[in-house]
Amino acid sequence: MVAFLRLALRRVAMMPVMILGIALLVFVVLQFSPVDPAYNALGESASPEAREAFAEANGLNDPLPIRYVHFLGRLIHLDLGSTVPPSQPVADRITAAFPLTLQLTILGLIIAIVLAVAGGVLGAMYRDRWPDQLFRVLSMAGVAVPSFWLGVLLIQQFALNSQIFPTGGYTNIADSFGGWLRTMFLPAVSLAVPVAASLARLIRTAMVTELDRDYVRTAQGNGLPVFLVIRSVLRNALVTPLTVLGVKVGYLLSGAVVIEAIFDLPGMGKLILEGVTGGDIALVQGTVLTIAIAFLVVNVIVDLLYLLVNPRIRTV
């Protein structure tokens, strides 16, 4: 337990350093944007004198290191700036949009885990037989299919043709859980299928390795029920897929940007597209930074879960 706490504290202690690095990368990259924040805020008809006065008042003429220090100072106070007119705090826009992206990511992750575990266990139990062959074909197709293309197909089949689900829009979960699930199911499936296919292949491989171990043959020889054997094997087999789960959650977060645009969901993806098309650097900077930090936090959580399920590395 002491070793686990030491490793956990080491992971958490590294987070501020990594956040500083993320903030630096996002800040520097967006400084090379061709968009002029002054003209974007004042309008294209602004005079050069007005532009210069705005730049001086907002520190746009300061050297890059000084601007970065000021940016960090505002970031510590959760001040991400304001959007272009009509001016709104970027933090408020993110606060309103991020919960939807988080809901979509969590629902997509749940669907991906259920599909991956079911497919991986099925493939391992029927190794080299027709269910396993079918699993391999479907998993390869799932890995290859882009989530946005799958989203378009799902809209065509289940929204336009069958009219089971809406083509887009969002229903707040507090207003109607059923309505929320109907609006979120197709986007979540679009995100989940590529992740599920990739994880299922890892689970299948790990399960096959575990099924060949001596303890499994011993348990089967002693007449232990099959479901207990599978439960023990699955618990050991999930250690390897768990190491890549953080990256897969990051894929879900980043993929949500495109999926939200396809299904007209007012999440972080819509904010990023709004910022890019409107030349709103502050909005793009705030949303990208928020998603990057969320990705970092998820990876730290997955690392801690990995420490919990794999006692062997607690002594490292």
Protein backbone atom coordinates (compact mmCIF):
# COMPACT_ATOMS: atom_id res chain seq x y z
CA MET A 1 0.00 0.00 0.00
CA VAL A 2 2.86 2.38 0.81
CA ALA A 3 4.47 1.67 -2.55
CA PHE A 4 1.15 2.34 -4.30
CA LEU A 5 0.72 5.68 -2.52
CA ARG A 6 4.28 6.66 -3.40
CA LEU A 7 3.74 5.91 -7.08
CA ALA A 8 0.35 7.63 -7.05
CA LEU A 9 1.81 10.78 -5.49
CA ARG A 10 4.59 10.73 -8.09
CA ARG A 11 2.02 10.65 -10.91
CA VAL A 12 -0.03 13.45 -9.36
CA ALA A 13 3.05 15.58 -8.62
CA MET A 14 3.98 15.51 -12.30
CA MET A 15 0.63 16.95 -13.37
CA PRO A 16 1.46 20.67 -12.78
CA VAL A 17 4.63 20.32 -14.85
CA MET A 18 2.76 18.63 -17.68
CA ILE A 19 -0.01 21.24 -17.54
CA LEU A 20 2.63 23.98 -17.88
CA GLY A 21 4.02 22.19 -20.92
CA ILE A 22 0.58 21.82 -22.47
CA ALA A 23 -0.19 25.49 -21.84
CA LEU A 24 3.13 26.49 -23.43
CA LEU A 25 2.52 24.37 -26.52
CA VAL A 26 -1.04 25.62 -27.03
CA PHE A 27 0.00 29.25 -26.43
CA VAL A 28 3.01 29.18 -28.78
CA VAL A 29 1.20 27.38 -31.61
CA LEU A 30 -1.68 29.86 -31.60
CA GLN A 31 0.72 32.82 -31.64
CA PHE A 32 1.52 31.87 -35.24
CA SER A 33 -2.11 32.20 -36.25
CA PRO A 34 -2.60 34.67 -39.13
CA VAL A 35 -5.62 36.11 -37.32
CA ASP A 36 -5.00 39.52 -35.76
CA PRO A 37 -6.77 39.62 -32.38
CA ALA A 38 -7.03 43.41 -32.55
CA TYR A 39 -8.82 43.55 -35.88
CA ASN A 40 -10.89 40.54 -34.86
CA ALA A 41 -12.12 42.37 -31.77
CA LEU A 42 -12.49 45.84 -33.31
CA GLY A 43 -13.67 44.82 -36.77
CA GLU A 44 -12.10 45.01 -40.21
CA SER A 45 -12.90 48.72 -40.48
CA ALA A 46 -10.76 49.60 -37.43
CA SER A 47 -8.05 52.17 -38.10
CA PRO A 48 -4.37 51.32 -37.61
CA GLU A 49 -4.32 53.75 -34.67
CA ALA A 50 -7.20 51.95 -32.98
CA ARG A 51 -5.56 48.62 -33.64
CA GLU A 52 -2.29 49.82 -32.13
CA ALA A 53 -4.06 51.21 -29.07
CA PHE A 54 -5.88 47.88 -28.57
CA ALA A 55 -2.66 45.91 -28.96
CA GLU A 56 -0.86 48.12 -26.45
CA ALA A 57 -3.69 47.94 -23.92
CA ASN A 58 -3.90 44.15 -24.15
CA GLY A 59 -0.18 43.42 -24.18
CA LEU A 60 -0.07 42.18 -27.77
CA ASN A 61 3.13 44.14 -28.39
CA ASP A 62 4.95 42.55 -25.44
CA PRO A 63 7.65 39.91 -26.07
CA LEU A 64 6.41 36.34 -26.28
CA PRO A 65 7.82 35.22 -22.88
CA ILE A 66 6.07 38.11 -21.11
CA ARG A 67 2.79 37.33 -22.86
CA TYR A 68 3.14 33.70 -21.79
CA VAL A 69 3.68 34.72 -18.16
CA HIS A 70 0.60 36.94 -18.31
CA PHE A 71 -1.32 34.07 -19.91
CA LEU A 72 -0.30 31.74 -17.06
CA GLY A 73 -1.31 34.37 -14.52
CA ARG A 74 -4.79 34.56 -16.03
CA LEU A 75 -4.93 30.78 -16.32
CA ILE A 76 -4.27 30.34 -12.59
CA HIS A 77 -7.34 32.48 -11.93
CA LEU A 78 -9.31 30.47 -14.54
CA ASP A 79 -9.46 33.51 -16.81
CA LEU A 80 -9.31 32.26 -20.39
CA GLY A 81 -10.16 35.60 -21.93
CA SER A 82 -13.26 36.68 -23.81
CA THR A 83 -14.75 35.77 -27.14
CA VAL A 84 -14.90 38.21 -30.03
CA PRO A 85 -17.92 40.53 -29.98
CA PRO A 86 -20.46 39.82 -28.69
CA SER A 87 -17.99 39.43 -25.83
CA GLN A 88 -18.50 36.51 -23.43
CA PRO A 89 -16.06 34.91 -20.97
CA VAL A 90 -14.49 31.88 -22.61
CA ALA A 91 -14.62 30.05 -19.27
CA ASP A 92 -18.40 30.43 -19.18
CA ARG A 93 -18.76 29.05 -22.70
CA ILE A 94 -16.57 26.07 -21.80
CA THR A 95 -18.46 25.48 -18.55
CA ALA A 96 -21.68 25.23 -20.54
CA ALA A 97 -20.25 23.02 -23.32
CA PHE A 98 -17.84 20.66 -21.56
CA PRO A 99 -20.49 18.61 -19.65
CA LEU A 100 -22.03 17.50 -22.94
CA THR A 101 -18.67 16.39 -24.34
CA LEU A 102 -17.98 14.58 -21.08
CA GLN A 103 -21.36 12.83 -21.25
CA LEU A 104 -20.70 11.78 -24.84
CA THR A 105 -17.23 10.51 -23.96
CA ILE A 106 -18.44 8.52 -20.94
CA LEU A 107 -21.35 6.97 -22.83
CA GLY A 108 -19.05 6.11 -25.74
CA LEU A 109 -16.54 4.58 -23.31
CA ILE A 110 -19.23 2.43 -21.65
CA ILE A 111 -20.45 1.14 -25.02
CA ALA A 112 -16.86 0.51 -26.15
CA ILE A 113 -15.98 -1.46 -23.01
CA VAL A 114 -19.14 -3.59 -23.22
CA LEU A 115 -18.56 -4.40 -26.89
CA ALA A 116 -14.84 -4.99 -26.40
CA VAL A 117 -15.22 -7.35 -23.45
CA ALA A 118 -18.04 -9.30 -25.12
CA GLY A 119 -16.18 -9.59 -28.42
CA GLY A 120 -12.80 -10.38 -26.87
CA VAL A 121 -14.17 -13.08 -24.57
CA LEU A 122 -16.22 -14.62 -27.38
CA GLY A 123 -13.23 -14.69 -29.72
CA ALA A 124 -10.97 -16.26 -27.08
CA MET A 125 -13.52 -18.88 -25.98
CA TYR A 126 -14.11 -20.02 -29.58
CA ARG A 127 -10.50 -19.68 -30.68
CA ASP A 128 -9.92 -20.52 -34.35
CA ARG A 129 -13.58 -21.46 -34.85
CA TRP A 130 -16.20 -19.58 -36.83
CA PRO A 131 -17.17 -17.15 -34.02
CA ASP A 132 -13.50 -16.22 -33.69
CA GLN A 133 -13.13 -15.80 -37.44
CA LEU A 134 -16.22 -13.59 -37.53
CA PHE A 135 -14.85 -11.60 -34.60
CA ARG A 136 -11.56 -11.00 -36.43
CA VAL A 137 -13.32 -9.73 -39.55
CA LEU A 138 -15.62 -7.42 -37.59
CA SER A 139 -12.80 -6.11 -35.38
CA MET A 140 -10.60 -5.31 -38.39
CA ALA A 141 -13.51 -3.52 -40.03
CA GLY A 142 -14.19 -1.63 -36.80
CA VAL A 143 -10.59 -0.49 -36.48
CA ALA A 144 -10.51 0.66 -40.09
CA VAL A 145 -13.80 2.58 -40.17
CA PRO A 146 -13.56 6.33 -39.39
CA SER A 147 -15.97 7.42 -36.68
CA PHE A 148 -17.32 10.35 -38.72
CA TRP A 149 -18.08 8.07 -41.69
CA LEU A 150 -19.82 5.62 -39.39
CA GLY A 151 -21.82 8.52 -37.92
CA VAL A 152 -23.08 9.49 -41.35
CA LEU A 153 -24.11 5.88 -42.07
CA LEU A 154 -25.93 5.63 -38.75
CA ILE A 155 -27.83 8.84 -39.47
CA GLN A 156 -28.79 7.54 -42.90
CA GLN A 157 -30.02 4.18 -41.62
CA PHE A 158 -31.46 4.83 -38.16
CA ALA A 159 -32.48 8.50 -38.38
CA LEU A 160 -33.53 9.14 -41.98
CA ASN A 161 -34.70 5.68 -43.09
CA SER A 162 -35.98 4.06 -39.89
CA GLN A 163 -36.54 7.30 -37.94
CA ILE A 164 -35.70 5.48 -34.70
CA PHE A 165 -33.31 8.21 -33.58
CA PRO A 166 -33.17 11.93 -34.36
CA THR A 167 -30.70 13.22 -36.93
CA GLY A 168 -29.19 15.61 -34.41
CA GLY A 169 -29.83 18.02 -31.59
CA TYR A 170 -29.57 17.56 -27.86
CA THR A 171 -31.99 16.89 -25.01
CA ASN A 172 -30.77 17.71 -21.51
CA ILE A 173 -30.55 14.64 -19.29
CA ALA A 174 -32.25 16.58 -16.49
CA ASP A 175 -35.29 17.16 -18.70
CA SER A 176 -35.68 13.64 -20.06
CA PHE A 177 -33.34 10.68 -19.70
CA GLY A 178 -35.04 8.87 -22.56
CA GLY A 179 -34.75 11.92 -24.80
CA TRP A 180 -31.12 12.37 -23.78
CA LEU A 181 -30.32 8.75 -24.60
CA ARG A 182 -32.01 9.00 -28.01
CA THR A 183 -29.97 12.07 -28.96
CA MET A 184 -26.69 10.71 -27.59
CA PHE A 185 -26.85 7.04 -28.61
CA LEU A 186 -25.86 7.33 -32.28
CA PRO A 187 -22.99 9.79 -31.62
CA ALA A 188 -21.73 7.56 -28.80
CA VAL A 189 -21.86 4.44 -30.99
CA SER A 190 -19.98 6.29 -33.74
CA LEU A 191 -17.21 7.08 -31.29
CA ALA A 192 -17.26 3.70 -29.54
CA VAL A 193 -17.00 1.25 -32.44
CA PRO A 194 -13.35 1.96 -33.49
CA VAL A 195 -12.25 1.99 -29.83
CA ALA A 196 -14.20 -1.19 -29.05
CA ALA A 197 -12.69 -3.01 -32.02
CA SER A 198 -9.16 -2.09 -30.99
CA LEU A 199 -9.67 -3.00 -27.32
CA ALA A 200 -11.44 -6.25 -28.23
CA ARG A 201 -8.42 -7.44 -30.20
CA LEU A 202 -6.19 -6.76 -27.20
CA ILE A 203 -8.59 -8.52 -24.82
CA ARG A 204 -8.87 -11.51 -27.12
CA THR A 205 -5.09 -11.87 -27.35
CA ALA A 206 -4.64 -11.49 -23.59
CA MET A 207 -7.46 -13.96 -22.91
CA VAL A 208 -5.92 -16.57 -25.21
CA THR A 209 -2.60 -16.21 -23.38
CA GLU A 210 -4.26 -16.58 -19.98
CA LEU A 211 -6.37 -19.58 -21.06
CA ASP A 212 -3.16 -21.48 -21.89
CA ARG A 213 -1.73 -21.04 -18.38
CA ASP A 214 -1.47 -23.88 -15.88
CA TYR A 215 -3.83 -22.36 -13.31
CA VAL A 216 -6.68 -22.44 -15.84
CA ARG A 217 -6.14 -26.12 -16.64
CA THR A 218 -5.95 -26.85 -12.91
CA ALA A 219 -9.19 -24.99 -12.24
CA GLN A 220 -10.95 -26.76 -15.10
CA GLY A 221 -9.61 -30.14 -13.93
CA ASN A 222 -10.98 -29.51 -10.43
CA GLY A 223 -14.43 -28.91 -11.87
CA LEU A 224 -14.60 -25.17 -11.20
CA PRO A 225 -17.64 -23.62 -12.94
CA VAL A 226 -16.85 -22.11 -16.33
CA PHE A 227 -18.08 -18.63 -15.41
CA LEU A 228 -15.71 -18.52 -12.43
CA VAL A 229 -12.79 -19.55 -14.61
CA ILE A 230 -13.68 -16.92 -17.21
CA ARG A 231 -14.05 -14.27 -14.52
CA SER A 232 -10.56 -14.99 -13.16
CA VAL A 233 -9.04 -15.14 -16.63
CA LEU A 234 -10.74 -11.91 -17.68
CA ARG A 235 -9.54 -10.08 -14.58
CA ASN A 236 -5.94 -11.03 -15.37
CA ALA A 237 -6.37 -10.38 -19.09
CA LEU A 238 -7.69 -6.83 -18.60
CA VAL A 239 -4.35 -5.62 -17.20
CA THR A 240 -2.85 -5.19 -20.68
CA PRO A 241 -5.82 -3.41 -22.33
CA LEU A 242 -6.03 -1.08 -19.34
CA THR A 243 -2.60 0.34 -20.21
CA VAL A 244 -3.96 1.75 -23.48
CA LEU A 245 -7.36 2.78 -22.13
CA GLY A 246 -6.16 6.31 -21.36
CA VAL A 247 -5.11 6.81 -24.99
CA LYS A 248 -8.47 5.46 -26.14
CA VAL A 249 -10.32 7.92 -23.90
CA GLY A 250 -8.21 10.65 -25.47
CA TYR A 251 -9.36 9.38 -28.87
CA LEU A 252 -12.96 9.62 -27.70
CA LEU A 253 -12.43 13.20 -26.51
CA SER A 254 -10.77 14.29 -29.74
CA GLY A 255 -13.22 12.35 -31.91
CA ALA A 256 -16.11 14.06 -30.17
CA VAL A 257 -15.08 17.31 -31.88
CA VAL A 258 -16.06 15.99 -35.31
CA ILE A 259 -18.96 13.86 -34.11
CA GLU A 260 -20.57 16.81 -32.32
CA ALA A 261 -20.47 18.78 -35.55
CA ILE A 262 -22.11 15.94 -37.50
CA PHE A 263 -24.90 15.47 -34.94
CA ASP A 264 -25.27 19.19 -34.13
CA LEU A 265 -24.41 18.78 -30.46
CA PRO A 266 -23.52 21.97 -28.54
CA GLY A 267 -20.33 20.63 -26.96
CA MET A 268 -16.64 21.43 -27.07
CA GLY A 269 -16.41 20.43 -30.72
CA LYS A 270 -18.91 23.07 -31.68
CA LEU A 271 -16.94 25.65 -29.69
CA ILE A 272 -13.70 24.74 -31.47
CA LEU A 273 -15.34 24.96 -34.89
CA GLU A 274 -16.92 28.27 -33.92
CA GLY A 275 -13.56 29.60 -32.80
CA VAL A 276 -11.72 28.41 -35.90
CA THR A 277 -14.29 29.67 -38.41
CA GLY A 278 -14.68 32.96 -36.53
CA GLY A 279 -10.98 33.51 -35.98
CA ASP A 280 -11.54 33.62 -32.21
CA ILE A 281 -8.10 32.75 -30.83
CA ALA A 282 -9.16 33.00 -27.18
CA LEU A 283 -12.01 30.54 -27.72
CA VAL A 284 -9.83 28.06 -29.62
CA GLN A 285 -7.06 28.40 -27.06
CA GLY A 286 -9.39 27.81 -24.12
CA THR A 287 -11.19 24.81 -25.60
CA VAL A 288 -8.05 23.08 -26.84
CA LEU A 289 -6.34 23.66 -23.49
CA THR A 290 -9.34 22.28 -21.60
CA ILE A 291 -9.51 19.12 -23.72
CA ALA A 292 -5.74 18.60 -23.41
CA ILE A 293 -5.86 18.94 -19.61
CA ALA A 294 -8.86 16.59 -19.46
CA PHE A 295 -6.88 14.07 -21.53
CA LEU A 296 -3.98 14.40 -19.08
CA VAL A 297 -6.22 13.91 -16.04
CA VAL A 298 -7.81 10.81 -17.59
CA ASN A 299 -4.38 9.29 -18.26
CA VAL A 300 -3.32 9.87 -14.66
CA ILE A 301 -6.54 8.20 -13.43
CA VAL A 302 -5.93 5.23 -15.75
CA ASP A 303 -2.35 4.96 -14.46
CA LEU A 304 -3.67 4.78 -10.90
CA LEU A 305 -6.21 2.13 -11.89
CA TYR A 306 -3.42 0.17 -13.53
CA LEU A 307 -1.46 0.31 -10.28
CA LEU A 308 -4.49 -1.05 -8.44
CA VAL A 309 -5.19 -3.99 -10.75
CA ASN A 310 -1.53 -4.94 -11.27
CA PRO A 311 0.09 -5.36 -7.85
CA ARG A 312 3.38 -6.51 -9.41
CA ILE A 313 4.41 -2.98 -10.41
CA ARG A 314 3.65 -1.48 -7.01
CA THR A 315 7.11 -2.52 -5.92
CA VAL A 316 8.82 -0.71 -8.80
